[in-house]
N, C-alpha and C. Protein backbone atom coordinates (compact mmCIF):
# COMPACT_ATOMS: atom_id res chain seq x y z
N UNK A 1 17.46 -11.10 -3.95
CA UNK A 1 17.95 -9.75 -3.77
C UNK A 1 18.56 -9.64 -2.38
N UNK A 2 19.74 -9.10 -2.28
CA UNK A 2 20.41 -8.96 -1.00
C UNK A 2 19.83 -7.79 -0.22
N UNK A 3 19.75 -7.98 1.09
CA UNK A 3 19.20 -6.94 1.95
C UNK A 3 20.00 -5.64 1.85
N UNK A 4 21.31 -5.73 1.64
CA UNK A 4 22.14 -4.53 1.58
C UNK A 4 21.73 -3.61 0.43
N UNK A 5 21.10 -4.15 -0.60
CA UNK A 5 20.70 -3.34 -1.75
C UNK A 5 19.34 -2.68 -1.56
N UNK A 6 18.65 -3.02 -0.51
CA UNK A 6 17.33 -2.46 -0.25
C UNK A 6 17.42 -0.96 0.00
N UNK A 7 16.43 -0.24 -0.50
CA UNK A 7 16.35 1.20 -0.26
C UNK A 7 15.19 1.45 0.70
N UNK A 8 15.36 2.40 1.60
CA UNK A 8 14.34 2.68 2.61
C UNK A 8 13.64 4.00 2.33
N UNK A 9 12.33 3.98 2.57
CA UNK A 9 11.49 5.16 2.37
C UNK A 9 10.51 5.26 3.53
N UNK A 10 10.10 6.48 3.82
CA UNK A 10 9.15 6.70 4.90
C UNK A 10 7.99 7.56 4.40
N UNK A 11 6.96 7.60 5.21
CA UNK A 11 5.80 8.42 4.89
C UNK A 11 4.74 8.24 5.94
N UNK A 12 3.53 8.61 5.59
CA UNK A 12 2.43 8.45 6.52
C UNK A 12 1.34 9.46 6.22
N UNK A 13 0.42 9.53 7.15
CA UNK A 13 -0.68 10.47 6.99
C UNK A 13 -0.21 11.88 7.35
N UNK A 14 -1.06 12.85 7.14
CA UNK A 14 -0.72 14.26 7.36
C UNK A 14 -0.43 14.57 8.82
N UNK A 15 -1.21 14.01 9.74
CA UNK A 15 -1.04 14.34 11.16
C UNK A 15 -0.02 13.45 11.87
N UNK A 16 0.46 12.40 11.22
CA UNK A 16 1.48 11.53 11.80
C UNK A 16 0.94 10.34 12.58
N UNK A 17 -0.37 10.16 12.62
CA UNK A 17 -0.93 9.02 13.34
C UNK A 17 -0.60 7.69 12.66
N UNK A 18 -0.59 7.67 11.33
CA UNK A 18 -0.24 6.47 10.57
C UNK A 18 1.11 6.71 9.92
N UNK A 19 2.07 5.83 10.21
CA UNK A 19 3.41 6.00 9.65
C UNK A 19 3.80 4.79 8.82
N UNK A 20 4.54 5.05 7.75
CA UNK A 20 5.01 4.00 6.84
C UNK A 20 6.52 3.96 6.85
N UNK A 21 7.05 2.75 6.81
CA UNK A 21 8.47 2.52 6.58
C UNK A 21 8.54 1.41 5.53
N UNK A 22 9.22 1.70 4.42
CA UNK A 22 9.32 0.73 3.32
C UNK A 22 10.76 0.36 3.08
N UNK A 23 10.96 -0.89 2.71
CA UNK A 23 12.24 -1.36 2.18
C UNK A 23 11.93 -1.92 0.81
N UNK A 24 12.52 -1.31 -0.21
CA UNK A 24 12.24 -1.67 -1.60
C UNK A 24 13.49 -2.21 -2.27
N UNK A 25 13.29 -3.19 -3.15
CA UNK A 25 14.41 -3.83 -3.84
C UNK A 25 14.83 -3.11 -5.11
N UNK A 26 14.06 -2.11 -5.52
CA UNK A 26 14.37 -1.35 -6.74
C UNK A 26 14.36 0.14 -6.43
N UNK A 27 15.06 0.92 -7.23
CA UNK A 27 14.97 2.38 -7.06
C UNK A 27 13.54 2.85 -7.32
N UNK A 28 13.11 3.93 -6.68
CA UNK A 28 11.73 4.39 -6.83
C UNK A 28 11.36 4.69 -8.28
N UNK A 29 12.32 5.14 -9.07
CA UNK A 29 12.05 5.46 -10.48
C UNK A 29 11.71 4.22 -11.30
N UNK A 30 12.07 3.04 -10.80
CA UNK A 30 11.82 1.78 -11.51
C UNK A 30 10.59 1.03 -10.99
N UNK A 31 9.96 1.56 -9.98
CA UNK A 31 8.79 0.89 -9.41
C UNK A 31 7.60 0.99 -10.37
N UNK A 32 6.80 -0.07 -10.39
CA UNK A 32 5.57 -0.09 -11.18
C UNK A 32 4.50 0.68 -10.41
N UNK A 33 4.22 1.90 -10.86
CA UNK A 33 3.21 2.74 -10.21
C UNK A 33 1.88 2.45 -10.88
N UNK A 34 0.90 2.08 -10.06
CA UNK A 34 -0.41 1.69 -10.61
C UNK A 34 -1.49 2.68 -10.19
N UNK A 35 -2.37 2.98 -11.11
CA UNK A 35 -3.54 3.82 -10.85
C UNK A 35 -4.75 2.91 -10.93
N UNK A 36 -5.14 2.36 -9.79
CA UNK A 36 -6.31 1.48 -9.74
C UNK A 36 -7.54 2.27 -10.18
N UNK A 37 -8.40 1.62 -10.91
CA UNK A 37 -9.57 2.30 -11.44
C UNK A 37 -10.82 2.11 -10.58
N UNK A 38 -10.68 1.52 -9.39
CA UNK A 38 -11.85 1.39 -8.51
C UNK A 38 -12.25 2.78 -8.02
N UNK A 39 -13.49 2.89 -7.57
CA UNK A 39 -14.00 4.20 -7.15
C UNK A 39 -13.24 4.75 -5.94
N UNK A 40 -12.83 3.90 -5.00
CA UNK A 40 -12.10 4.38 -3.82
C UNK A 40 -10.79 5.03 -4.24
N UNK A 41 -9.98 4.33 -5.04
CA UNK A 41 -8.67 4.85 -5.44
C UNK A 41 -8.80 6.09 -6.31
N UNK A 42 -9.80 6.11 -7.19
CA UNK A 42 -10.00 7.30 -8.03
C UNK A 42 -10.38 8.50 -7.18
N UNK A 43 -11.26 8.31 -6.19
CA UNK A 43 -11.69 9.43 -5.35
C UNK A 43 -10.56 9.95 -4.46
N UNK A 44 -9.58 9.09 -4.13
CA UNK A 44 -8.44 9.51 -3.31
C UNK A 44 -7.23 9.88 -4.16
N UNK A 45 -7.36 9.79 -5.47
CA UNK A 45 -6.24 10.07 -6.37
C UNK A 45 -5.02 9.23 -5.98
N UNK A 46 -5.29 7.98 -5.60
CA UNK A 46 -4.24 7.09 -5.11
C UNK A 46 -3.40 6.53 -6.26
N UNK A 47 -2.13 6.38 -5.99
CA UNK A 47 -1.19 5.70 -6.87
C UNK A 47 -0.51 4.64 -6.01
N UNK A 48 -0.59 3.39 -6.42
CA UNK A 48 -0.11 2.31 -5.58
C UNK A 48 1.19 1.71 -6.06
N UNK A 49 1.99 1.27 -5.09
CA UNK A 49 3.18 0.48 -5.38
C UNK A 49 3.22 -0.70 -4.43
N UNK A 50 3.92 -1.73 -4.85
CA UNK A 50 4.21 -2.87 -3.98
C UNK A 50 5.48 -3.52 -4.50
N UNK A 51 6.16 -4.20 -3.62
CA UNK A 51 7.40 -4.90 -3.95
C UNK A 51 7.38 -6.22 -3.20
N UNK A 52 7.07 -7.32 -3.89
CA UNK A 52 6.97 -8.60 -3.19
C UNK A 52 8.27 -9.05 -2.53
N UNK A 53 9.40 -8.45 -2.94
CA UNK A 53 10.69 -8.77 -2.35
C UNK A 53 10.99 -7.81 -1.20
N UNK A 54 10.26 -6.71 -1.12
CA UNK A 54 10.47 -5.70 -0.10
C UNK A 54 9.71 -5.99 1.17
N UNK A 55 9.52 -4.94 1.96
CA UNK A 55 8.77 -5.06 3.21
C UNK A 55 8.20 -3.70 3.56
N UNK A 56 7.00 -3.73 4.15
CA UNK A 56 6.37 -2.50 4.62
C UNK A 56 6.04 -2.65 6.10
N UNK A 57 6.28 -1.58 6.83
CA UNK A 57 5.89 -1.53 8.24
C UNK A 57 4.92 -0.36 8.38
N UNK A 58 3.76 -0.65 8.95
CA UNK A 58 2.75 0.37 9.19
C UNK A 58 2.58 0.50 10.70
N UNK A 59 2.83 1.70 11.21
CA UNK A 59 2.71 1.96 12.63
C UNK A 59 1.51 2.87 12.86
N UNK A 60 0.68 2.49 13.82
CA UNK A 60 -0.50 3.27 14.18
C UNK A 60 -0.28 3.82 15.58
N UNK A 61 -0.19 5.13 15.69
CA UNK A 61 0.05 5.77 16.99
C UNK A 61 -1.18 5.63 17.91
N UNK A 62 -2.35 5.99 17.40
CA UNK A 62 -3.59 5.93 18.19
C UNK A 62 -4.60 5.11 17.39
N UNK A 63 -4.83 3.87 17.83
CA UNK A 63 -5.73 2.96 17.10
C UNK A 63 -7.15 3.51 16.99
N UNK A 64 -7.53 4.36 17.92
CA UNK A 64 -8.89 4.93 17.86
C UNK A 64 -9.06 5.82 16.63
N UNK A 65 -7.93 6.29 16.07
CA UNK A 65 -7.98 7.18 14.91
C UNK A 65 -7.65 6.46 13.60
N UNK A 66 -7.65 5.13 13.66
CA UNK A 66 -7.45 4.33 12.44
C UNK A 66 -8.81 3.90 11.91
N UNK A 67 -9.10 4.30 10.69
CA UNK A 67 -10.31 3.84 10.02
C UNK A 67 -9.91 2.75 9.04
N UNK A 68 -10.45 1.56 9.24
CA UNK A 68 -10.22 0.44 8.32
C UNK A 68 -11.47 0.32 7.45
N UNK A 69 -11.33 0.71 6.22
CA UNK A 69 -12.48 0.72 5.32
C UNK A 69 -12.42 -0.49 4.40
N UNK A 70 -13.53 -1.20 4.27
CA UNK A 70 -13.64 -2.35 3.36
C UNK A 70 -14.78 -2.09 2.38
N UNK A 71 -14.56 -2.46 1.14
CA UNK A 71 -15.61 -2.35 0.14
C UNK A 71 -15.41 -3.44 -0.90
N UNK A 72 -16.25 -3.50 -1.89
CA UNK A 72 -16.12 -4.51 -2.95
C UNK A 72 -16.19 -5.91 -2.39
N UNK A 73 -15.14 -6.69 -2.57
CA UNK A 73 -15.09 -8.07 -2.09
C UNK A 73 -14.87 -8.16 -0.58
N UNK A 74 -14.56 -7.04 0.06
CA UNK A 74 -14.39 -6.94 1.52
C UNK A 74 -13.28 -7.85 2.06
N UNK A 75 -12.16 -7.93 1.33
CA UNK A 75 -11.05 -8.77 1.78
C UNK A 75 -9.79 -7.96 2.08
N UNK A 76 -9.85 -6.65 1.94
CA UNK A 76 -8.70 -5.79 2.27
C UNK A 76 -9.18 -4.64 3.15
N UNK A 77 -8.31 -4.25 4.06
CA UNK A 77 -8.56 -3.08 4.90
C UNK A 77 -7.80 -1.91 4.31
N UNK A 78 -8.51 -0.85 3.96
CA UNK A 78 -7.89 0.38 3.47
C UNK A 78 -7.67 1.26 4.69
N UNK A 79 -6.41 1.52 5.01
CA UNK A 79 -6.04 2.28 6.21
C UNK A 79 -6.14 3.77 5.91
N UNK A 80 -7.09 4.41 6.58
CA UNK A 80 -7.33 5.84 6.43
C UNK A 80 -7.28 6.46 7.82
N UNK A 81 -6.58 7.57 7.96
CA UNK A 81 -6.53 8.25 9.25
C UNK A 81 -7.86 8.97 9.48
N UNK A 82 -8.48 8.67 10.62
CA UNK A 82 -9.75 9.29 10.95
C UNK A 82 -9.58 10.75 11.35
N UNK A 83 -8.36 11.18 11.71
CA UNK A 83 -8.13 12.57 12.08
C UNK A 83 -7.92 13.44 10.85
N UNK A 84 -7.00 13.05 9.95
CA UNK A 84 -6.66 13.93 8.82
C UNK A 84 -7.18 13.43 7.48
N UNK A 85 -7.71 12.21 7.42
CA UNK A 85 -8.36 11.72 6.21
C UNK A 85 -7.46 11.12 5.14
N UNK A 86 -6.17 10.94 5.41
CA UNK A 86 -5.25 10.44 4.40
C UNK A 86 -5.31 8.91 4.33
N UNK A 87 -5.41 8.39 3.10
CA UNK A 87 -5.34 6.95 2.83
C UNK A 87 -3.86 6.60 2.62
N UNK A 88 -3.32 5.67 3.42
CA UNK A 88 -1.89 5.35 3.33
C UNK A 88 -1.60 4.00 2.71
N UNK A 89 -2.46 3.00 2.94
CA UNK A 89 -2.16 1.66 2.44
C UNK A 89 -3.40 0.79 2.50
N UNK A 90 -3.36 -0.31 1.75
CA UNK A 90 -4.38 -1.34 1.84
C UNK A 90 -3.68 -2.62 2.29
N UNK A 91 -4.30 -3.31 3.25
CA UNK A 91 -3.71 -4.51 3.85
C UNK A 91 -4.68 -5.67 3.67
N UNK A 92 -4.12 -6.83 3.33
CA UNK A 92 -4.94 -8.01 3.08
C UNK A 92 -4.25 -9.24 3.66
N UNK A 93 -5.03 -10.12 4.25
CA UNK A 93 -4.51 -11.42 4.69
C UNK A 93 -4.61 -12.39 3.52
N UNK A 94 -3.48 -12.96 3.12
CA UNK A 94 -3.43 -13.88 1.99
C UNK A 94 -2.87 -15.22 2.48
N UNK A 95 -2.91 -16.25 1.64
CA UNK A 95 -2.27 -17.51 2.02
C UNK A 95 -0.78 -17.36 2.33
N UNK A 96 -0.15 -16.30 1.83
CA UNK A 96 1.27 -16.05 2.08
C UNK A 96 1.49 -15.13 3.29
N UNK A 97 0.43 -14.76 4.00
CA UNK A 97 0.54 -13.86 5.15
C UNK A 97 0.01 -12.48 4.85
N UNK A 98 0.27 -11.53 5.75
CA UNK A 98 -0.18 -10.15 5.57
C UNK A 98 0.57 -9.51 4.42
N UNK A 99 -0.17 -8.92 3.49
CA UNK A 99 0.40 -8.24 2.33
C UNK A 99 -0.25 -6.88 2.20
N UNK A 100 0.48 -5.92 1.58
CA UNK A 100 -0.09 -4.59 1.41
C UNK A 100 0.40 -3.93 0.13
N UNK A 101 -0.34 -2.92 -0.27
CA UNK A 101 0.10 -1.95 -1.26
C UNK A 101 0.11 -0.61 -0.54
N UNK A 102 0.99 0.27 -1.00
CA UNK A 102 1.15 1.56 -0.35
C UNK A 102 0.75 2.66 -1.33
N UNK A 103 0.09 3.67 -0.81
CA UNK A 103 -0.28 4.83 -1.61
C UNK A 103 0.94 5.73 -1.74
N UNK A 104 1.47 5.86 -2.95
CA UNK A 104 2.65 6.70 -3.20
C UNK A 104 2.43 8.11 -2.69
N UNK A 105 1.19 8.61 -2.77
CA UNK A 105 0.90 9.98 -2.35
C UNK A 105 1.18 10.20 -0.86
N UNK A 106 1.28 9.11 -0.08
CA UNK A 106 1.54 9.23 1.36
C UNK A 106 3.03 9.12 1.69
N UNK A 107 3.90 9.01 0.68
CA UNK A 107 5.33 8.88 0.92
C UNK A 107 6.02 10.24 0.91
N UNK A 108 7.03 10.38 1.74
CA UNK A 108 7.77 11.65 1.81
C UNK A 108 8.48 11.95 0.49
N UNK A 109 9.03 10.93 -0.15
CA UNK A 109 9.75 11.10 -1.42
C UNK A 109 8.89 10.74 -2.63
N UNK A 110 7.61 11.04 -2.58
CA UNK A 110 6.68 10.61 -3.63
C UNK A 110 7.09 11.05 -5.03
N UNK A 111 7.76 12.18 -5.18
CA UNK A 111 8.16 12.66 -6.51
C UNK A 111 9.19 11.74 -7.16
N UNK A 112 9.91 10.96 -6.36
CA UNK A 112 10.91 10.05 -6.92
C UNK A 112 10.28 8.83 -7.58
N UNK A 113 9.01 8.54 -7.28
CA UNK A 113 8.30 7.42 -7.90
C UNK A 113 7.70 7.96 -9.20
N UNK A 114 8.56 8.16 -10.17
CA UNK A 114 8.24 8.98 -11.34
C UNK A 114 7.78 8.21 -12.58
N UNK A 115 7.70 6.89 -12.51
CA UNK A 115 7.21 6.14 -13.67
C UNK A 115 5.76 6.56 -13.94
N UNK A 116 5.38 6.68 -15.20
CA UNK A 116 4.00 7.03 -15.50
C UNK A 116 3.05 5.98 -14.91
N UNK A 117 2.01 6.40 -14.21
CA UNK A 117 1.08 5.44 -13.61
C UNK A 117 0.42 4.58 -14.68
N UNK A 118 0.31 3.30 -14.37
CA UNK A 118 -0.32 2.33 -15.26
C UNK A 118 -1.73 2.06 -14.73
N UNK A 119 -2.74 2.34 -15.55
CA UNK A 119 -4.13 2.10 -15.13
C UNK A 119 -4.37 0.59 -15.02
N UNK A 120 -4.97 0.18 -13.91
CA UNK A 120 -5.29 -1.23 -13.69
C UNK A 120 -6.74 -1.35 -13.24
N UNK A 121 -7.37 -2.46 -13.63
CA UNK A 121 -8.76 -2.70 -13.26
C UNK A 121 -8.88 -4.17 -12.90
N UNK A 122 -9.28 -4.45 -11.67
CA UNK A 122 -9.37 -5.82 -11.16
C UNK A 122 -10.82 -6.27 -11.01
N UNK A 123 -11.73 -5.59 -11.65
CA UNK A 123 -13.17 -5.82 -11.46
C UNK A 123 -13.59 -7.27 -11.68
N UNK A 124 -13.03 -7.98 -12.63
CA UNK A 124 -13.50 -9.32 -12.96
C UNK A 124 -12.91 -10.44 -12.13
N UNK A 125 -12.04 -10.13 -11.16
CA UNK A 125 -11.40 -11.18 -10.37
C UNK A 125 -12.35 -11.79 -9.35
N UNK A 126 -12.20 -13.10 -9.15
CA UNK A 126 -12.89 -13.77 -8.04
C UNK A 126 -12.07 -13.55 -6.78
N UNK A 127 -12.62 -13.89 -5.64
CA UNK A 127 -11.88 -13.76 -4.38
C UNK A 127 -10.60 -14.60 -4.43
N UNK A 128 -10.69 -15.82 -4.95
CA UNK A 128 -9.52 -16.69 -5.04
C UNK A 128 -8.44 -16.08 -5.93
N UNK A 129 -8.83 -15.56 -7.08
CA UNK A 129 -7.87 -14.93 -7.98
C UNK A 129 -7.24 -13.69 -7.34
N UNK A 130 -8.05 -12.91 -6.67
CA UNK A 130 -7.55 -11.68 -6.07
C UNK A 130 -6.55 -11.99 -4.94
N UNK A 131 -6.88 -12.96 -4.09
CA UNK A 131 -5.96 -13.32 -3.01
C UNK A 131 -4.66 -13.89 -3.56
N UNK A 132 -4.73 -14.67 -4.62
CA UNK A 132 -3.51 -15.24 -5.23
C UNK A 132 -2.65 -14.12 -5.82
N UNK A 133 -3.27 -13.16 -6.51
CA UNK A 133 -2.51 -12.04 -7.08
C UNK A 133 -1.84 -11.24 -5.97
N UNK A 134 -2.59 -10.95 -4.92
CA UNK A 134 -2.03 -10.16 -3.83
C UNK A 134 -0.92 -10.91 -3.12
N UNK A 135 -1.07 -12.22 -2.91
CA UNK A 135 0.00 -13.02 -2.28
C UNK A 135 1.27 -12.95 -3.10
N UNK A 136 1.14 -12.94 -4.42
CA UNK A 136 2.30 -12.93 -5.31
C UNK A 136 2.89 -11.54 -5.53
N UNK A 137 2.05 -10.51 -5.59
CA UNK A 137 2.52 -9.19 -6.02
C UNK A 137 2.58 -8.12 -4.94
N UNK A 138 1.74 -8.24 -3.90
CA UNK A 138 1.78 -7.23 -2.85
C UNK A 138 2.98 -7.51 -1.95
N UNK A 139 3.35 -6.54 -1.13
CA UNK A 139 4.54 -6.68 -0.30
C UNK A 139 4.20 -7.17 1.11
N UNK A 140 5.12 -7.94 1.71
CA UNK A 140 4.90 -8.37 3.08
C UNK A 140 4.69 -7.15 3.99
N UNK A 141 3.74 -7.26 4.89
CA UNK A 141 3.37 -6.14 5.75
C UNK A 141 3.53 -6.51 7.22
N UNK A 142 4.10 -5.58 7.96
CA UNK A 142 4.20 -5.70 9.41
C UNK A 142 3.38 -4.56 9.99
N UNK A 143 2.45 -4.91 10.86
CA UNK A 143 1.55 -3.91 11.43
C UNK A 143 1.89 -3.70 12.90
N UNK A 144 2.16 -2.45 13.28
CA UNK A 144 2.52 -2.13 14.65
C UNK A 144 1.58 -1.09 15.22
N UNK A 145 1.26 -1.03 16.48
CA UNK A 145 1.57 -2.09 17.43
C UNK A 145 0.66 -3.27 17.26
């Protein structure tokens, strides 16, 4: 996919401490929107997207207000703003480098991600399987600062 075809999107938490910048290879209407069935995502009403050909940049204004929450297999950090409580993304270190999924609800143009959410359940995965899936399907992540 050529870089010129990439579409850019922004978002972040409510107070602006956590900011997102995305470059996606497909229009938002064509993105695979997933509704993870884990208890964390259900309680946050999260809808996730990722684009392995795209890129995500997550900027943290005040690191003291970044809550990195880990649960389950404890291999991903769920970025939640400690000031306003918004969950913006999950970040994981994989054999392919830093990868993430983004919570559509934290995007400014969230209504454009209009595909019906697909329920997904990863409960039976081993750590090896989960890291391989994330390396292949999650998007490259750049964390700033």
